[in-house]
Amino acid sequence: MNELLRRISIDPDVCFGKPCIRGTRIWVSLLLDYLASGMTEAELLEEYPQLTSKDIRAALAYGAEAARGRFISVPMEKRAG
């Protein structure tokens, strides 16, 4: 597994089970949409200070795997409580 993909999580109880940056409610697809619209990494990091450069690269890695039509193995999480 691409090491960056460990930064992505899927939890059925968080954001409708959409892939998110681990520990946040920030959808991978949202980051990809912003990048596709021309937003820079610096602008994303300013808008979402809880993110790191590796988180953004993880979103790109996830998108690349999805575009290849491959099964993307990310751990399922269940919130405690």
PDB file of N, CA and C in Angstrom:
ATOM      1  N   MET A   1       0.849  -1.181   0.000  1.00  0.00           N
ATOM      2  CA  MET A   1       0.000   0.000   0.000  1.00  0.00           C
ATOM      3  C   MET A   1       0.894   1.245   0.000  1.00  0.00           C
ATOM      4  N   ASN A   2       0.530   2.212  -0.806  1.00  0.00           N
ATOM      5  CA  ASN A   2       1.222   3.487  -0.805  1.00  0.00           C
ATOM      6  C   ASN A   2       1.156   4.060   0.605  1.00  0.00           C
ATOM      7  N   GLU A   3       2.294   4.403   1.163  1.00  0.00           N
ATOM      8  CA  GLU A   3       2.369   4.911   2.544  1.00  0.00           C
ATOM      9  C   GLU A   3       1.469   6.129   2.750  1.00  0.00           C
ATOM     10  N   LEU A   4       1.339   6.968   1.729  1.00  0.00           N
ATOM     11  CA  LEU A   4       0.481   8.147   1.857  1.00  0.00           C
ATOM     12  C   LEU A   4      -0.980   7.769   2.088  1.00  0.00           C
ATOM     13  N   LEU A   5      -1.401   6.625   1.551  1.00  0.00           N
ATOM     14  CA  LEU A   5      -2.805   6.240   1.691  1.00  0.00           C
ATOM     15  C   LEU A   5      -3.179   5.923   3.132  1.00  0.00           C
ATOM     16  N   ARG A   6      -2.208   5.738   3.999  1.00  0.00           N
ATOM     17  CA  ARG A   6      -2.494   5.543   5.428  1.00  0.00           C
ATOM     18  C   ARG A   6      -3.052   6.817   6.058  1.00  0.00           C
ATOM     19  N   ARG A   7      -2.908   7.929   5.366  1.00  0.00           N
ATOM     20  CA  ARG A   7      -3.433   9.205   5.860  1.00  0.00           C
ATOM     21  C   ARG A   7      -4.914   9.379   5.539  1.00  0.00           C
ATOM     22  N   ILE A   8      -5.475   8.439   4.786  1.00  0.00           N
ATOM     23  CA  ILE A   8      -6.883   8.479   4.388  1.00  0.00           C
ATOM     24  C   ILE A   8      -7.650   7.483   5.251  1.00  0.00           C
ATOM     25  N   SER A   9      -8.851   7.875   5.661  1.00  0.00           N
ATOM     26  CA  SER A   9      -9.682   6.932   6.417  1.00  0.00           C
ATOM     27  C   SER A   9     -11.109   6.972   5.891  1.00  0.00           C
ATOM     28  N   ILE A  10     -11.794   5.863   6.124  1.00  0.00           N
ATOM     29  CA  ILE A  10     -13.209   5.748   5.765  1.00  0.00           C
ATOM     30  C   ILE A  10     -13.918   5.207   6.988  1.00  0.00           C
ATOM     31  N   ASP A  11     -14.902   5.952   7.459  1.00  0.00           N
ATOM     32  CA  ASP A  11     -15.700   5.547   8.616  1.00  0.00           C
ATOM     33  C   ASP A  11     -17.158   5.744   8.217  1.00  0.00           C
ATOM     34  N   PRO A  12     -17.955   4.686   8.248  1.00  0.00           N
ATOM     35  CA  PRO A  12     -19.363   4.820   7.844  1.00  0.00           C
ATOM     36  C   PRO A  12     -20.137   5.862   8.646  1.00  0.00           C
ATOM     37  N   ASP A  13     -19.650   6.186   9.846  1.00  0.00           N
ATOM     38  CA  ASP A  13     -20.342   7.157  10.694  1.00  0.00           C
ATOM     39  C   ASP A  13     -19.795   8.579  10.557  1.00  0.00           C
ATOM     40  N   VAL A  14     -18.819   8.777   9.687  1.00  0.00           N
ATOM     41  CA  VAL A  14     -18.232  10.103   9.488  1.00  0.00           C
ATOM     42  C   VAL A  14     -18.352  10.475   8.014  1.00  0.00           C
ATOM     43  N   CYS A  15     -18.985  11.591   7.750  1.00  0.00           N
ATOM     44  CA  CYS A  15     -19.112  12.119   6.377  1.00  0.00           C
ATOM     45  C   CYS A  15     -19.676  11.083   5.410  1.00  0.00           C
ATOM     46  N   PHE A  16     -20.669  10.333   5.888  1.00  0.00           N
ATOM     47  CA  PHE A  16     -21.377   9.363   5.038  1.00  0.00           C
ATOM     48  C   PHE A  16     -20.469   8.273   4.498  1.00  0.00           C
ATOM     49  N   GLY A  17     -19.344   8.018   5.177  1.00  0.00           N
ATOM     50  CA  GLY A  17     -18.427   6.973   4.731  1.00  0.00           C
ATOM     51  C   GLY A  17     -17.527   7.391   3.577  1.00  0.00           C
ATOM     52  N   LYS A  18     -17.495   8.687   3.272  1.00  0.00           N
ATOM     53  CA  LYS A  18     -16.624   9.162   2.186  1.00  0.00           C
ATOM     54  C   LYS A  18     -15.173   9.177   2.669  1.00  0.00           C
ATOM     55  N   PRO A  19     -14.225   8.923   1.784  1.00  0.00           N
ATOM     56  CA  PRO A  19     -12.813   8.975   2.170  1.00  0.00           C
ATOM     57  C   PRO A  19     -12.441  10.382   2.643  1.00  0.00           C
ATOM     58  N   CYS A  20     -11.834  10.442   3.828  1.00  0.00           N
ATOM     59  CA  CYS A  20     -11.425  11.707   4.432  1.00  0.00           C
ATOM     60  C   CYS A  20      -9.961  11.631   4.844  1.00  0.00           C
ATOM     61  N   ILE A  21      -9.378  12.800   5.052  1.00  0.00           N
ATOM     62  CA  ILE A  21      -8.056  12.841   5.647  1.00  0.00           C
ATOM     63  C   ILE A  21      -8.220  12.380   7.094  1.00  0.00           C
ATOM     64  N   ARG A  22      -7.413  11.396   7.484  1.00  0.00           N
ATOM     65  CA  ARG A  22      -7.518  10.786   8.811  1.00  0.00           C
ATOM     66  C   ARG A  22      -7.554  11.857   9.907  1.00  0.00           C
ATOM     67  N   GLY A  23      -8.503  11.676  10.824  1.00  0.00           N
ATOM     68  CA  GLY A  23      -8.618  12.582  11.958  1.00  0.00           C
ATOM     69  C   GLY A  23      -9.346  13.875  11.659  1.00  0.00           C
ATOM     70  N   THR A  24      -9.875  14.001  10.440  1.00  0.00           N
ATOM     71  CA  THR A  24     -10.613  15.217  10.065  1.00  0.00           C
ATOM     72  C   THR A  24     -11.928  14.793   9.404  1.00  0.00           C
ATOM     73  N   ARG A  25     -12.702  15.770   9.063  1.00  0.00           N
ATOM     74  CA  ARG A  25     -13.912  15.550   8.265  1.00  0.00           C
ATOM     75  C   ARG A  25     -13.745  16.191   6.886  1.00  0.00           C
ATOM     76  N   ILE A  26     -12.502  16.280   6.444  1.00  0.00           N
ATOM     77  CA  ILE A  26     -12.191  16.890   5.151  1.00  0.00           C
ATOM     78  C   ILE A  26     -12.151  15.799   4.096  1.00  0.00           C
ATOM     79  N   TRP A  27     -13.098  15.871   3.169  1.00  0.00           N
ATOM     80  CA  TRP A  27     -13.204  14.857   2.118  1.00  0.00           C
ATOM     81  C   TRP A  27     -12.024  14.943   1.162  1.00  0.00           C
ATOM     82  N   VAL A  28     -11.548  13.783   0.762  1.00  0.00           N
ATOM     83  CA  VAL A  28     -10.516  13.700  -0.269  1.00  0.00           C
ATOM     84  C   VAL A  28     -11.026  14.378  -1.535  1.00  0.00           C
ATOM     85  N   SER A  29     -12.268  14.122  -1.890  1.00  0.00           N
ATOM     86  CA  SER A  29     -12.824  14.700  -3.129  1.00  0.00           C
ATOM     87  C   SER A  29     -12.855  16.227  -3.068  1.00  0.00           C
ATOM     88  N   LEU A  30     -13.066  16.802  -1.901  1.00  0.00           N
ATOM     89  CA  LEU A  30     -13.057  18.257  -1.760  1.00  0.00           C
ATOM     90  C   LEU A  30     -11.676  18.813  -2.092  1.00  0.00           C
ATOM     91  N   LEU A  31     -10.647  18.178  -1.538  1.00  0.00           N
ATOM     92  CA  LEU A  31      -9.285  18.631  -1.827  1.00  0.00           C
ATOM     93  C   LEU A  31      -8.965  18.500  -3.311  1.00  0.00           C
ATOM     94  N   LEU A  32      -9.366  17.391  -3.909  1.00  0.00           N
ATOM     95  CA  LEU A  32      -9.122  17.201  -5.342  1.00  0.00           C
ATOM     96  C   LEU A  32      -9.869  18.242  -6.174  1.00  0.00           C
ATOM     97  N   ASP A  33     -11.094  18.551  -5.779  1.00  0.00           N
ATOM     98  CA  ASP A  33     -11.859  19.587  -6.483  1.00  0.00           C
ATOM     99  C   ASP A  33     -11.161  20.946  -6.401  1.00  0.00           C
ATOM    100  N   TYR A  34     -10.703  21.295  -5.204  1.00  0.00           N
ATOM    101  CA  TYR A  34     -10.002  22.575  -5.040  1.00  0.00           C
ATOM    102  C   TYR A  34      -8.734  22.619  -5.881  1.00  0.00           C
ATOM    103  N   LEU A  35      -7.953  21.544  -5.850  1.00  0.00           N
ATOM    104  CA  LEU A  35      -6.732  21.503  -6.649  1.00  0.00           C
ATOM    105  C   LEU A  35      -7.047  21.594  -8.137  1.00  0.00           C
ATOM    106  N   ALA A  36      -8.087  20.900  -8.569  1.00  0.00           N
ATOM    107  CA  ALA A  36      -8.474  20.923  -9.983  1.00  0.00           C
ATOM    108  C   ALA A  36      -8.941  22.313 -10.412  1.00  0.00           C
ATOM    109  N   SER A  37      -9.504  23.066  -9.477  1.00  0.00           N
ATOM    110  CA  SER A  37      -9.981  24.411  -9.829  1.00  0.00           C
ATOM    111  C   SER A  37      -8.859  25.444  -9.821  1.00  0.00           C
ATOM    112  N   GLY A  38      -7.654  25.011  -9.448  1.00  0.00           N
ATOM    113  CA  GLY A  38      -6.511  25.914  -9.503  1.00  0.00           C
ATOM    114  C   GLY A  38      -6.001  26.381  -8.150  1.00  0.00           C
ATOM    115  N   MET A  39      -6.635  25.963  -7.076  1.00  0.00           N
ATOM    116  CA  MET A  39      -6.153  26.342  -5.755  1.00  0.00           C
ATOM    117  C   MET A  39      -4.776  25.718  -5.531  1.00  0.00           C
ATOM    118  N   THR A  40      -3.871  26.466  -4.956  1.00  0.00           N
ATOM    119  CA  THR A  40      -2.528  25.957  -4.725  1.00  0.00           C
ATOM    120  C   THR A  40      -2.459  25.226  -3.384  1.00  0.00           C
ATOM    121  N   GLU A  41      -1.393  24.456  -3.215  1.00  0.00           N
ATOM    122  CA  GLU A  41      -1.179  23.780  -1.939  1.00  0.00           C
ATOM    123  C   GLU A  41      -1.101  24.802  -0.804  1.00  0.00           C
ATOM    124  N   ALA A  42      -0.396  25.896  -1.031  1.00  0.00           N
ATOM    125  CA  ALA A  42      -0.264  26.941  -0.009  1.00  0.00           C
ATOM    126  C   ALA A  42      -1.630  27.495   0.386  1.00  0.00           C
ATOM    127  N   GLU A  43      -2.494  27.714  -0.604  1.00  0.00           N
ATOM    128  CA  GLU A  43      -3.843  28.227  -0.311  1.00  0.00           C
ATOM    129  C   GLU A  43      -4.649  27.208   0.474  1.00  0.00           C
ATOM    130  N   LEU A  44      -4.531  25.930   0.109  1.00  0.00           N
ATOM    131  CA  LEU A  44      -5.238  24.884   0.854  1.00  0.00           C
ATOM    132  C   LEU A  44      -4.766  24.823   2.299  1.00  0.00           C
ATOM    133  N   LEU A  45      -3.461  24.896   2.500  1.00  0.00           N
ATOM    134  CA  LEU A  45      -2.919  24.829   3.853  1.00  0.00           C
ATOM    135  C   LEU A  45      -3.327  26.042   4.685  1.00  0.00           C
ATOM    136  N   GLU A  46      -3.501  27.173   4.026  1.00  0.00           N
ATOM    137  CA  GLU A  46      -3.977  28.362   4.733  1.00  0.00           C
ATOM    138  C   GLU A  46      -5.453  28.213   5.097  1.00  0.00           C
ATOM    139  N   GLU A  47      -6.231  27.674   4.169  1.00  0.00           N
ATOM    140  CA  GLU A  47      -7.675  27.488   4.389  1.00  0.00           C
ATOM    141  C   GLU A  47      -7.962  26.399   5.426  1.00  0.00           C
ATOM    142  N   TYR A  48      -7.138  25.360   5.429  1.00  0.00           N
ATOM    143  CA  TYR A  48      -7.310  24.221   6.339  1.00  0.00           C
ATOM    144  C   TYR A  48      -6.006  24.003   7.108  1.00  0.00           C
ATOM    145  N   PRO A  49      -5.772  24.789   8.163  1.00  0.00           N
ATOM    146  CA  PRO A  49      -4.489  24.715   8.872  1.00  0.00           C
ATOM    147  C   PRO A  49      -4.220  23.370   9.541  1.00  0.00           C
ATOM    148  N   GLN A  50      -5.225  22.546   9.701  1.00  0.00           N
ATOM    149  CA  GLN A  50      -5.023  21.222  10.297  1.00  0.00           C
ATOM    150  C   GLN A  50      -4.395  20.236   9.317  1.00  0.00           C
ATOM    151  N   LEU A  51      -4.328  20.607   8.034  1.00  0.00           N
ATOM    152  CA  LEU A  51      -3.728  19.742   7.014  1.00  0.00           C
ATOM    153  C   LEU A  51      -2.223  19.959   6.914  1.00  0.00           C
ATOM    154  N   THR A  52      -1.563  18.966   6.349  1.00  0.00           N
ATOM    155  CA  THR A  52      -0.131  19.068   6.045  1.00  0.00           C
ATOM    156  C   THR A  52       0.051  18.825   4.545  1.00  0.00           C
ATOM    157  N   SER A  53       1.239  19.081   4.074  1.00  0.00           N
ATOM    158  CA  SER A  53       1.556  18.806   2.667  1.00  0.00           C
ATOM    159  C   SER A  53       1.360  17.330   2.351  1.00  0.00           C
ATOM    160  N   LYS A  54       1.716  16.463   3.294  1.00  0.00           N
ATOM    161  CA  LYS A  54       1.538  15.024   3.079  1.00  0.00           C
ATOM    162  C   LYS A  54       0.064  14.662   2.947  1.00  0.00           C
ATOM    163  N   ASP A  55      -0.814  15.354   3.656  1.00  0.00           N
ATOM    164  CA  ASP A  55      -2.254  15.097   3.524  1.00  0.00           C
ATOM    165  C   ASP A  55      -2.728  15.409   2.112  1.00  0.00           C
ATOM    166  N   ILE A  56      -2.249  16.498   1.565  1.00  0.00           N
ATOM    167  CA  ILE A  56      -2.640  16.878   0.203  1.00  0.00           C
ATOM    168  C   ILE A  56      -2.098  15.869  -0.796  1.00  0.00           C
ATOM    169  N   ARG A  57      -0.857  15.451  -0.607  1.00  0.00           N
ATOM    170  CA  ARG A  57      -0.290  14.427  -1.488  1.00  0.00           C
ATOM    171  C   ARG A  57      -1.038  13.110  -1.337  1.00  0.00           C
ATOM    172  N   ALA A  58      -1.526  12.813  -0.132  1.00  0.00           N
ATOM    173  CA  ALA A  58      -2.309  11.592   0.083  1.00  0.00           C
ATOM    174  C   ALA A  58      -3.604  11.652  -0.725  1.00  0.00           C
ATOM    175  N   ALA A  59      -4.247  12.817  -0.754  1.00  0.00           N
ATOM    176  CA  ALA A  59      -5.464  12.974  -1.554  1.00  0.00           C
ATOM    177  C   ALA A  59      -5.163  12.752  -3.033  1.00  0.00           C
ATOM    178  N   LEU A  60      -4.051  13.278  -3.499  1.00  0.00           N
ATOM    179  CA  LEU A  60      -3.651  13.062  -4.891  1.00  0.00           C
ATOM    180  C   LEU A  60      -3.360  11.590  -5.165  1.00  0.00           C
ATOM    181  N   ALA A  61      -2.687  10.934  -4.238  1.00  0.00           N
ATOM    182  CA  ALA A  61      -2.381   9.508  -4.406  1.00  0.00           C
ATOM    183  C   ALA A  61      -3.666   8.687  -4.457  1.00  0.00           C
ATOM    184  N   TYR A  62      -4.628   9.036  -3.613  1.00  0.00           N
ATOM    185  CA  TYR A  62      -5.916   8.340  -3.612  1.00  0.00           C
ATOM    186  C   TYR A  62      -6.613   8.538  -4.957  1.00  0.00           C
ATOM    187  N   GLY A  63      -6.614   9.777  -5.440  1.00  0.00           N
ATOM    188  CA  GLY A  63      -7.233  10.071  -6.732  1.00  0.00           C
ATOM    189  C   GLY A  63      -6.561   9.328  -7.869  1.00  0.00           C
ATOM    190  N   ALA A  64      -5.240   9.212  -7.818  1.00  0.00           N
ATOM    191  CA  ALA A  64      -4.507   8.483  -8.857  1.00  0.00           C
ATOM    192  C   ALA A  64      -4.883   7.012  -8.845  1.00  0.00           C
ATOM    193  N   GLU A  65      -4.972   6.418  -7.668  1.00  0.00           N
ATOM    194  CA  GLU A  65      -5.370   5.012  -7.565  1.00  0.00           C
ATOM    195  C   GLU A  65      -6.799   4.823  -8.082  1.00  0.00           C
ATOM    196  N   ALA A  66      -7.683   5.734  -7.718  1.00  0.00           N
ATOM    197  CA  ALA A  66      -9.078   5.631  -8.166  1.00  0.00           C
ATOM    198  C   ALA A  66      -9.162   5.742  -9.691  1.00  0.00           C
ATOM    199  N   ALA A  67      -8.347   6.606 -10.281  1.00  0.00           N
ATOM    200  CA  ALA A  67      -8.369   6.791 -11.732  1.00  0.00           C
ATOM    201  C   ALA A  67      -7.879   5.550 -12.468  1.00  0.00           C
ATOM    202  N   ARG A  68      -7.054   4.760 -11.809  1.00  0.00           N
ATOM    203  CA  ARG A  68      -6.575   3.522 -12.423  1.00  0.00           C
ATOM    204  C   ARG A  68      -7.628   2.422 -12.345  1.00  0.00           C
ATOM    205  N   GLY A  69      -8.696   2.701 -11.626  1.00  0.00           N
ATOM    206  CA  GLY A  69      -9.759   1.708 -11.494  1.00  0.00           C
ATOM    207  C   GLY A  69      -9.395   0.570 -10.563  1.00  0.00           C
ATOM    208  N   ARG A  70      -8.419   0.803  -9.731  1.00  0.00           N
ATOM    209  CA  ARG A  70      -7.988  -0.223  -8.795  1.00  0.00           C
ATOM    210  C   ARG A  70      -8.802  -0.171  -7.520  1.00  0.00           C
ATOM    211  N   PHE A  71      -8.828  -1.304  -6.835  1.00  0.00           N
ATOM    212  CA  PHE A  71      -9.385  -1.340  -5.488  1.00  0.00           C
ATOM    213  C   PHE A  71      -8.439  -0.572  -4.589  1.00  0.00           C
ATOM    214  N   ILE A  72      -8.970   0.324  -3.803  1.00  0.00           N
ATOM    215  CA  ILE A  72      -8.136   1.151  -2.940  1.00  0.00           C
ATOM    216  C   ILE A  72      -8.323   0.682  -1.506  1.00  0.00           C
ATOM    217  N   SER A  73      -7.301   0.082  -0.966  1.00  0.00           N
ATOM    218  CA  SER A  73      -7.357  -0.464   0.380  1.00  0.00           C
ATOM    219  C   SER A  73      -7.020   0.618   1.396  1.00  0.00           C
ATOM    220  N   VAL A  74      -8.033   1.050   2.132  1.00  0.00           N
ATOM    221  CA  VAL A  74      -7.814   1.956   3.261  1.00  0.00           C
ATOM    222  C   VAL A  74      -8.557   1.367   4.446  1.00  0.00           C
ATOM    223  N   PRO A  75      -8.019   1.529   5.647  1.00  0.00           N
ATOM    224  CA  PRO A  75      -8.652   0.910   6.801  1.00  0.00           C
ATOM    225  C   PRO A  75     -10.003   1.548   7.121  1.00  0.00           C
ATOM    226  N   MET A  76     -10.958   0.706   7.446  1.00  0.00           N
ATOM    227  CA  MET A  76     -12.259   1.179   7.914  1.00  0.00           C
ATOM    228  C   MET A  76     -12.120   1.500   9.390  1.00  0.00           C
ATOM    229  N   GLU A  77     -12.743   2.571   9.815  1.00  0.00           N
ATOM    230  CA  GLU A  77     -12.686   2.972  11.218  1.00  0.00           C
ATOM    231  C   GLU A  77     -14.077   3.078  11.759  1.00  0.00           C
ATOM    232  N   LYS A  78     -14.189   2.840  13.018  1.00  0.00           N
ATOM    233  CA  LYS A  78     -15.448   3.014  13.728  1.00  0.00           C
ATOM    234  C   LYS A  78     -15.148   3.896  14.926  1.00  0.00           C
ATOM    235  N   ARG A  79     -15.860   4.997  15.053  1.00  0.00           N
ATOM    236  CA  ARG A  79     -15.626   5.906  16.183  1.00  0.00           C
ATOM    237  C   ARG A  79     -15.979   5.221  17.482  1.00  0.00           C
ATOM    238  N   ALA A  80     -15.215   5.511  18.488  1.00  0.00           N
ATOM    239  CA  ALA A  80     -15.512   4.979  19.829  1.00  0.00           C
ATOM    240  C   ALA A  80     -16.700   5.734  20.394  1.00  0.00           C
ATOM    241  N   GLY A  81     -17.488   5.040  21.149  1.00  0.00           N
ATOM    242  CA  GLY A  81     -18.574   5.725  21.848  1.00  0.00           C
ATOM    243  C   GLY A  81     -19.890   5.407  21.417  1.00  0.00           C
TER     244      GLY A  81
END
